[in-house]
Amino acid sequence: MKIVVVGGTGLIGSKTIALLRAAGHDALAAAPSTGVNTLTGEGLDTVLVGAEVVIDLVNSPSFEASAVLAFFEAHEANLLAGERRAGVKHHVALSVVGTDRMPGNGYFLAKVAQEEAIAASGIAYTIVRATQFLEFLGAIADGSERDGVIPIATGLFQPIAADDVAILVAEVALAPPRNGIVEIAGPERAPFDQIIRDYLGLIGDRRPVVTDHDAGYFGGRVEEYSLVPTGEARLGKIGLAEWVRRHPAT
């Protein structure tokens, strides 16, 4: 089966393509570096010829609220139009758990707009909402640091490894469309501040993490269940300690 992975050269895309090819599928990476640009439409019709499934993993280069919204609106409009022309049978998109529960988070609002465009497209679809990636913990800590300390909210957190995301995305892509949402998360759930504290301890980073109930996340307030599944979810297998063991700090 021909499967086009848009954003196929990125963190999740490259892993997903490897899994699909190992299973015998014709998985192609669509990205500007491979001659496909969803913002301009360049190369899109050509790469979609004969594709049965499209996996949409593209991310915005900017997280500024208006920029990210404009990016996802343009990207999705062009991609979905190309899929309709090509007769694609299943659109799989990666989104974020909690997109509809943090109205102050501009990035999440843009992902909601993306999800709505997909649902209204007339193309059979499955949206995979994932929790934050374990790969992002270092950047979260660095971005939160203030005067040598790291204030983090106490809402629950359940990060997932990119390897697990790729496995679950590939499984969804090979299954019938859900015309709905599948949520995925890591195997361990704990308060946000505790996970960041544990992560820094595992890598030998002595910066103090302080509990701050008012600390936001990309402009949104983190309530207890803002960032974790509140219903059924498929769980990855790689926990924090195992992930750090596989990815030692350099």
C-alpha atoms as a PDB file:
ATOM      1  CA  MET A   1       0.000   0.000   0.000  1.00  0.00           C
ATOM      2  CA  LYS A   2       1.242   3.473  -0.831  1.00  0.00           C
ATOM      3  CA  ILE A   3       1.332   5.739   2.211  1.00  0.00           C
ATOM      4  CA  VAL A   4       2.496   9.349   2.042  1.00  0.00           C
ATOM      5  CA  VAL A   5       3.941  10.701   5.285  1.00  0.00           C
ATOM      6  CA  VAL A   6       3.773  14.488   5.219  1.00  0.00           C
ATOM      7  CA  GLY A   7       6.526  15.708   7.489  1.00  0.00           C
ATOM      8  CA  GLY A   8       8.178  12.365   6.905  1.00  0.00           C
ATOM      9  CA  THR A   9      11.717  13.636   7.501  1.00  0.00           C
ATOM     10  CA  GLY A  10      11.010  14.787  11.077  1.00  0.00           C
ATOM     11  CA  LEU A  11      11.274  13.095  14.460  1.00  0.00           C
ATOM     12  CA  ILE A  12       8.062  11.059  14.246  1.00  0.00           C
ATOM     13  CA  GLY A  13       7.901  10.884  10.466  1.00  0.00           C
ATOM     14  CA  SER A  14      11.268   9.223   9.940  1.00  0.00           C
ATOM     15  CA  LYS A  15      10.482   6.592  12.583  1.00  0.00           C
ATOM     16  CA  THR A  16       7.004   5.959  11.148  1.00  0.00           C
ATOM     17  CA  ILE A  17       8.330   5.522   7.621  1.00  0.00           C
ATOM     18  CA  ALA A  18      10.897   2.981   8.813  1.00  0.00           C
ATOM     19  CA  LEU A  19       8.164   0.938  10.501  1.00  0.00           C
ATOM     20  CA  LEU A  20       5.865   1.054   7.475  1.00  0.00           C
ATOM     21  CA  ARG A  21       8.616   0.065   5.064  1.00  0.00           C
ATOM     22  CA  ALA A  22       9.648  -2.797   7.326  1.00  0.00           C
ATOM     23  CA  ALA A  23       6.053  -4.012   7.099  1.00  0.00           C
ATOM     24  CA  GLY A  24       6.253  -4.004   3.290  1.00  0.00           C
ATOM     25  CA  HIS A  25       4.441  -0.758   2.488  1.00  0.00           C
ATOM     26  CA  ASP A  26       5.461   1.904  -0.019  1.00  0.00           C
ATOM     27  CA  ALA A  27       5.971   4.765   2.434  1.00  0.00           C
ATOM     28  CA  LEU A  28       7.123   8.088   0.994  1.00  0.00           C
ATOM     29  CA  ALA A  29       8.344  11.157   2.853  1.00  0.00           C
ATOM     30  CA  ALA A  30       6.753  14.407   1.719  1.00  0.00           C
ATOM     31  CA  ALA A  31       8.650  17.473   2.901  1.00  0.00           C
ATOM     32  CA  PRO A  32      10.283  20.561   1.360  1.00  0.00           C
ATOM     33  CA  SER A  33      13.584  18.647   1.271  1.00  0.00           C
ATOM     34  CA  THR A  34      11.941  15.965  -0.892  1.00  0.00           C
ATOM     35  CA  GLY A  35      10.290  18.505  -3.221  1.00  0.00           C
ATOM     36  CA  VAL A  36       6.875  18.730  -1.547  1.00  0.00           C
ATOM     37  CA  ASN A  37       5.639  21.945   0.037  1.00  0.00           C
ATOM     38  CA  THR A  38       2.100  21.928   1.403  1.00  0.00           C
ATOM     39  CA  LEU A  39       2.066  25.695   1.907  1.00  0.00           C
ATOM     40  CA  THR A  40       2.636  26.382  -1.789  1.00  0.00           C
ATOM     41  CA  GLY A  41       1.300  23.109  -3.196  1.00  0.00           C
ATOM     42  CA  GLU A  42       4.609  22.362  -4.892  1.00  0.00           C
ATOM     43  CA  GLY A  43       4.955  18.647  -5.674  1.00  0.00           C
ATOM     44  CA  LEU A  44       1.795  17.733  -3.785  1.00  0.00           C
ATOM     45  CA  ASP A  45      -0.304  16.292  -6.613  1.00  0.00           C
ATOM     46  CA  THR A  46       2.626  14.227  -7.865  1.00  0.00           C
ATOM     47  CA  VAL A  47       3.441  12.590  -4.540  1.00  0.00           C
ATOM     48  CA  LEU A  48      -0.217  11.805  -3.814  1.00  0.00           C
ATOM     49  CA  VAL A  49      -0.823   9.835  -7.019  1.00  0.00           C
ATOM     50  CA  GLY A  50      -1.902   6.338  -6.016  1.00  0.00           C
ATOM     51  CA  ALA A  51      -1.737   7.030  -2.285  1.00  0.00           C
ATOM     52  CA  GLU A  52      -4.365   5.291  -0.161  1.00  0.00           C
ATOM     53  CA  VAL A  53      -3.321   6.799   3.172  1.00  0.00           C
ATOM     54  CA  VAL A  54      -1.798  10.143   4.138  1.00  0.00           C
ATOM     55  CA  ILE A  55      -0.182  10.600   7.533  1.00  0.00           C
ATOM     56  CA  ASP A  56      -0.082  14.289   8.425  1.00  0.00           C
ATOM     57  CA  LEU A  57       2.792  15.041  10.824  1.00  0.00           C
ATOM     58  CA  VAL A  58       3.738  18.561   9.759  1.00  0.00           C
ATOM     59  CA  ASN A  59       4.414  21.088  12.499  1.00  0.00           C
ATOM     60  CA  SER A  60       4.567  24.862  12.427  1.00  0.00           C
ATOM     61  CA  PRO A  61       8.000  26.526  12.506  1.00  0.00           C
ATOM     62  CA  SER A  62       6.548  29.174  14.830  1.00  0.00           C
ATOM     63  CA  PHE A  63       4.499  28.719  18.008  1.00  0.00           C
ATOM     64  CA  GLU A  64       3.306  32.362  18.020  1.00  0.00           C
ATOM     65  CA  ALA A  65      -0.497  32.225  18.095  1.00  0.00           C
ATOM     66  CA  SER A  66      -1.374  34.014  14.852  1.00  0.00           C
ATOM     67  CA  ALA A  67       1.517  32.498  12.914  1.00  0.00           C
ATOM     68  CA  VAL A  68       0.765  28.930  13.921  1.00  0.00           C
ATOM     69  CA  LEU A  69      -2.925  29.340  13.104  1.00  0.00           C
ATOM     70  CA  ALA A  70      -2.135  30.751   9.655  1.00  0.00           C
ATOM     71  CA  PHE A  71       0.314  27.895   9.057  1.00  0.00           C
ATOM     72  CA  PHE A  72      -2.102  25.088   9.890  1.00  0.00           C
ATOM     73  CA  GLU A  73      -4.980  26.692   7.988  1.00  0.00           C
ATOM     74  CA  ALA A  74      -2.925  27.020   4.791  1.00  0.00           C
ATOM     75  CA  HIS A  75      -1.211  23.647   5.143  1.00  0.00           C
ATOM     76  CA  GLU A  76      -4.408  21.723   5.782  1.00  0.00           C
ATOM     77  CA  ALA A  77      -6.415  23.459   3.051  1.00  0.00           C
ATOM     78  CA  ASN A  78      -3.824  22.572   0.405  1.00  0.00           C
ATOM     79  CA  LEU A  79      -3.209  19.041   1.668  1.00  0.00           C
ATOM     80  CA  LEU A  80      -6.869  18.080   1.946  1.00  0.00           C
ATOM     81  CA  ALA A  81      -7.642  19.531  -1.488  1.00  0.00           C
ATOM     82  CA  GLY A  82      -4.815  17.463  -2.945  1.00  0.00           C
ATOM     83  CA  GLU A  83      -6.099  14.347  -1.193  1.00  0.00           C
ATOM     84  CA  ARG A  84      -9.574  14.834  -2.631  1.00  0.00           C
ATOM     85  CA  ARG A  85      -8.120  15.126  -6.128  1.00  0.00           C
ATOM     86  CA  ALA A  86      -6.051  11.971  -5.603  1.00  0.00           C
ATOM     87  CA  GLY A  87      -8.846   9.938  -4.009  1.00  0.00           C
ATOM     88  CA  VAL A  88      -7.007   9.314  -0.725  1.00  0.00           C
ATOM     89  CA  LYS A  89      -9.035   6.964   1.474  1.00  0.00           C
ATOM     90  CA  HIS A  90      -7.680   7.722   4.967  1.00  0.00           C
ATOM     91  CA  HIS A  91      -6.199  10.889   6.448  1.00  0.00           C
ATOM     92  CA  VAL A  92      -4.298  10.367   9.708  1.00  0.00           C
ATOM     93  CA  ALA A  93      -3.222  13.485  11.597  1.00  0.00           C
ATOM     94  CA  LEU A  94      -1.126  13.855  14.736  1.00  0.00           C
ATOM     95  CA  SER A  95      -2.535  16.329  17.243  1.00  0.00           C
ATOM     96  CA  VAL A  96      -2.177  16.968  20.972  1.00  0.00           C
ATOM     97  CA  VAL A  97      -4.085  15.695  23.999  1.00  0.00           C
ATOM     98  CA  GLY A  98      -5.873  18.613  25.642  1.00  0.00           C
ATOM     99  CA  THR A  99      -6.161  20.849  22.580  1.00  0.00           C
ATOM    100  CA  ASP A 100      -9.755  21.650  23.506  1.00  0.00           C
ATOM    101  CA  ARG A 101      -9.047  22.206  27.220  1.00  0.00           C
ATOM    102  CA  MET A 102      -6.507  25.083  27.206  1.00  0.00           C
ATOM    103  CA  PRO A 103      -8.133  28.130  25.571  1.00  0.00           C
ATOM    104  CA  GLY A 104      -5.183  30.359  26.493  1.00  0.00           C
ATOM    105  CA  ASN A 105      -2.705  28.236  24.545  1.00  0.00           C
ATOM    106  CA  GLY A 106      -2.436  29.640  21.023  1.00  0.00           C
ATOM    107  CA  TYR A 107      -0.765  26.532  19.628  1.00  0.00           C
ATOM    108  CA  PHE A 108      -3.545  24.311  20.951  1.00  0.00           C
ATOM    109  CA  LEU A 109      -6.189  26.593  19.434  1.00  0.00           C
ATOM    110  CA  ALA A 110      -4.481  26.235  16.055  1.00  0.00           C
ATOM    111  CA  LYS A 111      -4.513  22.444  16.414  1.00  0.00           C
ATOM    112  CA  VAL A 112      -8.250  22.609  17.135  1.00  0.00           C
ATOM    113  CA  ALA A 113      -8.726  24.533  13.885  1.00  0.00           C
ATOM    114  CA  GLN A 114      -6.681  21.895  12.062  1.00  0.00           C
ATOM    115  CA  GLU A 115      -8.779  19.086  13.542  1.00  0.00           C
ATOM    116  CA  GLU A 116     -12.006  20.850  12.553  1.00  0.00           C
ATOM    117  CA  ALA A 117     -10.810  21.266   8.953  1.00  0.00           C
ATOM    118  CA  ILE A 118      -9.991  17.560   8.747  1.00  0.00           C
ATOM    119  CA  ALA A 119     -13.350  16.503  10.186  1.00  0.00           C
ATOM    120  CA  ALA A 120     -15.195  18.740   7.713  1.00  0.00           C
ATOM    121  CA  SER A 121     -13.163  17.641   4.672  1.00  0.00           C
ATOM    122  CA  GLY A 122     -15.293  14.705   3.594  1.00  0.00           C
ATOM    123  CA  ILE A 123     -12.228  12.423   3.664  1.00  0.00           C
ATOM    124  CA  ALA A 124     -12.279   9.477   6.066  1.00  0.00           C
ATOM    125  CA  TYR A 125      -9.907  10.317   8.896  1.00  0.00           C
ATOM    126  CA  THR A 126      -8.404   9.447  12.243  1.00  0.00           C
ATOM    127  CA  ILE A 127      -6.930  12.102  14.516  1.00  0.00           C
ATOM    128  CA  VAL A 128      -4.260  10.815  16.898  1.00  0.00           C
ATOM    129  CA  ARG A 129      -3.937  13.063  19.929  1.00  0.00           C
ATOM    130  CA  ALA A 130      -0.661  12.456  21.757  1.00  0.00           C
ATOM    131  CA  THR A 131       0.593  13.738  25.074  1.00  0.00           C
ATOM    132  CA  GLN A 132       3.847  15.713  25.146  1.00  0.00           C
ATOM    133  CA  PHE A 133       6.941  13.827  23.996  1.00  0.00           C
ATOM    134  CA  LEU A 134       9.658  12.741  26.398  1.00  0.00           C
ATOM    135  CA  GLU A 135      12.041  14.271  23.874  1.00  0.00           C
ATOM    136  CA  PHE A 136      10.677  17.715  24.803  1.00  0.00           C
ATOM    137  CA  LEU A 137      11.355  17.581  28.553  1.00  0.00           C
ATOM    138  CA  GLY A 138      14.740  19.290  28.280  1.00  0.00           C
ATOM    139  CA  ALA A 139      13.318  22.132  26.210  1.00  0.00           C
ATOM    140  CA  ILE A 140      10.394  22.516  28.619  1.00  0.00           C
ATOM    141  CA  ALA A 141      12.792  22.795  31.559  1.00  0.00           C
ATOM    142  CA  ASP A 142      15.063  25.256  29.750  1.00  0.00           C
ATOM    143  CA  GLY A 143      12.150  27.380  28.547  1.00  0.00           C
ATOM    144  CA  SER A 144      10.621  27.525  32.006  1.00  0.00           C
ATOM    145  CA  GLU A 145      13.783  28.550  33.885  1.00  0.00           C
ATOM    146  CA  ARG A 146      13.648  31.876  35.720  1.00  0.00           C
ATOM    147  CA  ASP A 147      16.673  33.174  37.644  1.00  0.00           C
ATOM    148  CA  GLY A 148      18.187  29.732  38.034  1.00  0.00           C
ATOM    149  CA  VAL A 149      15.019  27.922  39.138  1.00  0.00           C
ATOM    150  CA  ILE A 150      12.362  26.143  37.105  1.00  0.00           C
ATOM    151  CA  PRO A 151       8.750  26.886  38.099  1.00  0.00           C
ATOM    152  CA  ILE A 152       6.380  24.179  36.860  1.00  0.00           C
ATOM    153  CA  ALA A 153       2.652  23.674  37.405  1.00  0.00           C
ATOM    154  CA  THR A 154       1.207  20.668  39.217  1.00  0.00           C
ATOM    155  CA  GLY A 155      -1.328  19.487  36.651  1.00  0.00           C
ATOM    156  CA  LEU A 156      -0.947  15.865  35.650  1.00  0.00           C
ATOM    157  CA  PHE A 157       1.544  14.957  32.932  1.00  0.00           C
ATOM    158  CA  GLN A 158       1.951  11.703  30.992  1.00  0.00           C
ATOM    159  CA  PRO A 159       4.719  12.123  28.387  1.00  0.00           C
ATOM    160  CA  ILE A 160       5.262   9.574  25.632  1.00  0.00           C
ATOM    161  CA  ALA A 161       8.428   8.529  23.783  1.00  0.00           C
ATOM    162  CA  ALA A 162       8.689   9.342  20.077  1.00  0.00           C
ATOM    163  CA  ASP A 163       9.372   5.662  19.349  1.00  0.00           C
ATOM    164  CA  ASP A 164       6.019   4.756  20.898  1.00  0.00           C
ATOM    165  CA  VAL A 165       4.256   7.565  19.027  1.00  0.00           C
ATOM    166  CA  ALA A 166       5.570   6.218  15.715  1.00  0.00           C
ATOM    167  CA  ILE A 167       4.434   2.675  16.519  1.00  0.00           C
ATOM    168  CA  LEU A 168       0.935   3.791  17.444  1.00  0.00           C
ATOM    169  CA  VAL A 169       0.600   6.190  14.485  1.00  0.00           C
ATOM    170  CA  ALA A 170       1.634   3.421  12.089  1.00  0.00           C
ATOM    171  CA  GLU A 171      -0.904   1.049  13.636  1.00  0.00           C
ATOM    172  CA  VAL A 172      -3.681   3.623  13.254  1.00  0.00           C
ATOM    173  CA  ALA A 173      -2.700   4.293   9.638  1.00  0.00           C
ATOM    174  CA  LEU A 174      -3.014   0.615   8.771  1.00  0.00           C
ATOM    175  CA  ALA A 175      -6.393   0.249  10.506  1.00  0.00           C
ATOM    176  CA  PRO A 176      -9.764   1.387   9.145  1.00  0.00           C
ATOM    177  CA  PRO A 177     -10.546   5.094   9.597  1.00  0.00           C
ATOM    178  CA  ARG A 178     -12.220   5.970  12.892  1.00  0.00           C
ATOM    179  CA  ASN A 179     -13.705   9.280  11.731  1.00  0.00           C
ATOM    180  CA  GLY A 180     -12.847  10.400  15.223  1.00  0.00           C
ATOM    181  CA  ILE A 181     -10.070  10.736  17.757  1.00  0.00           C
ATOM    182  CA  VAL A 182      -7.642   8.221  19.246  1.00  0.00           C
ATOM    183  CA  GLU A 183      -5.634   9.383  22.258  1.00  0.00           C
ATOM    184  CA  ILE A 184      -2.178   8.050  23.084  1.00  0.00           C
ATOM    185  CA  ALA A 185       0.026   8.643  26.118  1.00  0.00           C
ATOM    186  CA  GLY A 186       3.047   7.379  27.988  1.00  0.00           C
ATOM    187  CA  PRO A 187       2.828   4.582  30.576  1.00  0.00           C
ATOM    188  CA  GLU A 188       3.518   6.826  33.594  1.00  0.00           C
ATOM    189  CA  ARG A 189       1.363   9.634  34.977  1.00  0.00           C
ATOM    190  CA  ALA A 190       2.490  12.093  37.663  1.00  0.00           C
ATOM    191  CA  PRO A 191       2.312  15.834  38.422  1.00  0.00           C
ATOM    192  CA  PHE A 192       4.046  17.956  35.787  1.00  0.00           C
ATOM    193  CA  ASP A 193       6.541  19.412  38.265  1.00  0.00           C
ATOM    194  CA  GLN A 194       7.450  15.965  39.592  1.00  0.00           C
ATOM    195  CA  ILE A 195       8.187  14.580  36.135  1.00  0.00           C
ATOM    196  CA  ILE A 196      10.449  17.514  35.273  1.00  0.00           C
ATOM    197  CA  ARG A 197      12.162  17.135  38.654  1.00  0.00           C
ATOM    198  CA  ASP A 198      12.646  13.383  38.097  1.00  0.00           C
ATOM    199  CA  TYR A 199      13.945  13.959  34.576  1.00  0.00           C
ATOM    200  CA  LEU A 200      16.541  16.494  35.689  1.00  0.00           C
ATOM    201  CA  GLY A 201      17.628  14.179  38.504  1.00  0.00           C
ATOM    202  CA  LEU A 202      18.091  11.277  36.098  1.00  0.00           C
ATOM    203  CA  ILE A 203      20.361  13.325  33.832  1.00  0.00           C
ATOM    204  CA  GLY A 204      22.322  14.883  36.711  1.00  0.00           C
ATOM    205  CA  ASP A 205      20.929  18.404  36.267  1.00  0.00           C
ATOM    206  CA  ARG A 206      20.833  20.093  39.687  1.00  0.00           C
ATOM    207  CA  ARG A 207      18.647  23.038  38.795  1.00  0.00           C
ATOM    208  CA  PRO A 208      15.807  23.236  41.336  1.00  0.00           C
ATOM    209  CA  VAL A 209      12.238  22.698  40.164  1.00  0.00           C
ATOM    210  CA  VAL A 210       9.746  24.698  42.210  1.00  0.00           C
ATOM    211  CA  THR A 211       6.042  23.989  42.360  1.00  0.00           C
ATOM    212  CA  ASP A 212       4.067  26.897  40.906  1.00  0.00           C
ATOM    213  CA  HIS A 213       0.325  26.378  40.545  1.00  0.00           C
ATOM    214  CA  ASP A 214       0.133  29.443  38.303  1.00  0.00           C
ATOM    215  CA  ALA A 215       2.899  28.452  35.887  1.00  0.00           C
ATOM    216  CA  GLY A 216       1.441  28.326  32.383  1.00  0.00           C
ATOM    217  CA  TYR A 217       2.218  26.226  29.342  1.00  0.00           C
ATOM    218  CA  PHE A 218       2.524  28.211  26.106  1.00  0.00           C
ATOM    219  CA  GLY A 219       0.180  30.790  27.568  1.00  0.00           C
ATOM    220  CA  GLY A 220      -2.421  28.356  28.870  1.00  0.00           C
ATOM    221  CA  ARG A 221      -3.204  27.590  32.504  1.00  0.00           C
ATOM    222  CA  VAL A 222      -2.432  23.982  33.437  1.00  0.00           C
ATOM    223  CA  GLU A 223      -5.336  22.495  35.375  1.00  0.00           C
ATOM    224  CA  GLU A 224      -5.226  18.985  36.828  1.00  0.00           C
ATOM    225  CA  TYR A 225      -6.361  17.223  33.641  1.00  0.00           C
ATOM    226  CA  SER A 226      -5.356  19.766  30.991  1.00  0.00           C
ATOM    227  CA  LEU A 227      -2.570  17.669  29.461  1.00  0.00           C
ATOM    228  CA  VAL A 228      -3.583  14.038  30.020  1.00  0.00           C
ATOM    229  CA  PRO A 229      -6.290  11.775  28.581  1.00  0.00           C
ATOM    230  CA  THR A 230      -9.519  11.810  30.559  1.00  0.00           C
ATOM    231  CA  GLY A 231     -10.954   8.709  28.909  1.00  0.00           C
ATOM    232  CA  GLU A 232      -9.699   5.661  27.041  1.00  0.00           C
ATOM    233  CA  ALA A 233      -6.155   5.967  25.699  1.00  0.00           C
ATOM    234  CA  ARG A 234      -3.592   3.685  24.113  1.00  0.00           C
ATOM    235  CA  LEU A 235      -0.372   3.659  26.109  1.00  0.00           C
ATOM    236  CA  GLY A 236       3.241   3.444  25.007  1.00  0.00           C
ATOM    237  CA  LYS A 237       5.706   1.150  26.735  1.00  0.00           C
ATOM    238  CA  ILE A 238       8.759   3.349  27.346  1.00  0.00           C
ATOM    239  CA  GLY A 239       8.868   5.066  30.739  1.00  0.00           C
ATOM    240  CA  LEU A 240      10.999   8.020  31.775  1.00  0.00           C
ATOM    241  CA  ALA A 241      13.923   6.101  33.293  1.00  0.00           C
ATOM    242  CA  GLU A 242      14.115   3.737  30.333  1.00  0.00           C
ATOM    243  CA  TRP A 243      13.967   6.635  27.890  1.00  0.00           C
ATOM    244  CA  VAL A 244      16.818   8.442  29.670  1.00  0.00           C
ATOM    245  CA  ARG A 245      18.841   5.210  29.639  1.00  0.00           C
ATOM    246  CA  ARG A 246      18.373   5.013  25.866  1.00  0.00           C
ATOM    247  CA  HIS A 247      19.162   8.723  25.395  1.00  0.00           C
ATOM    248  CA  PRO A 248      22.002   9.625  27.762  1.00  0.00           C
ATOM    249  CA  ALA A 249      22.646  13.343  28.185  1.00  0.00           C
ATOM    250  CA  THR A 250      25.739  14.598  26.362  1.00  0.00           C
END
